[in-house]
Amino acid sequence: MGTIYAFFADGFEEIEAFTAIDVLRRAGLNVEMVTITGEEVVMGAHDVPVLCDSYYKDCDFSDADLLLLPGGMPGASTLSKHEGLNKLVADFVAADKPVAAICAAPMVLGKLGLLKGKKVTCYPGFEQYLEGAECTGAQVEKDGNIITGIGPGGAMDFALAVVEALLGKDKVAELEEAMCVKR
């Protein structure tokens, strides 16, 4: 298994990012926290700073197994304006590789026209950016290679859906037992 790249911009939603990264690392996956800003430390939407592992400009992503886009504002909006990340996401979707986005971050894919005909979920009010998608309002949706989550309250379900997509249901059951997740 290669690397999961999680992308950070100021204003990211802490619960979504940290829950996903924590659960993925508990599952034994390698997660690289990447800043798309010029700064090593990125500030969350609720003033929690995070020290990223690398800068976007220094990564080649050739070992990427999944791209992870946390929500939060203005973080998700900043992600959607990053030309390099937009190209990377579009190339991933075209290659049928997995992309996971939660809360406001599905708009990155929506603005690129990558969600047409897909079942997705997002934070209420962001449906307008998901052109052609079927927005369900569910906690989590997985349609093909795209996994979307509704928001902070769905962060654990979202993280476990990503683990399931990469490692299967047995690994999810193991994590649920270890973390006392009752669903």
Foldseek 3Di string as FASTA:
>chain_A
DFEEEEEWAAFFAVLQVVLLVVLCVVLVHHYFYEYQDPDQWHAYNVGDIDGGRYYPVPDPCPRHQEYEYTDGPPTLVVCLPRPVSLVVVVVCVVVQGAYEYEALNCLSCLQVVNAAPEEEEHAPPNVVSNPNHNYDNDQWDDGRRYIYGYHSVSSNVSSLVVCCVPPNDVSSVVSCVVVVPDD
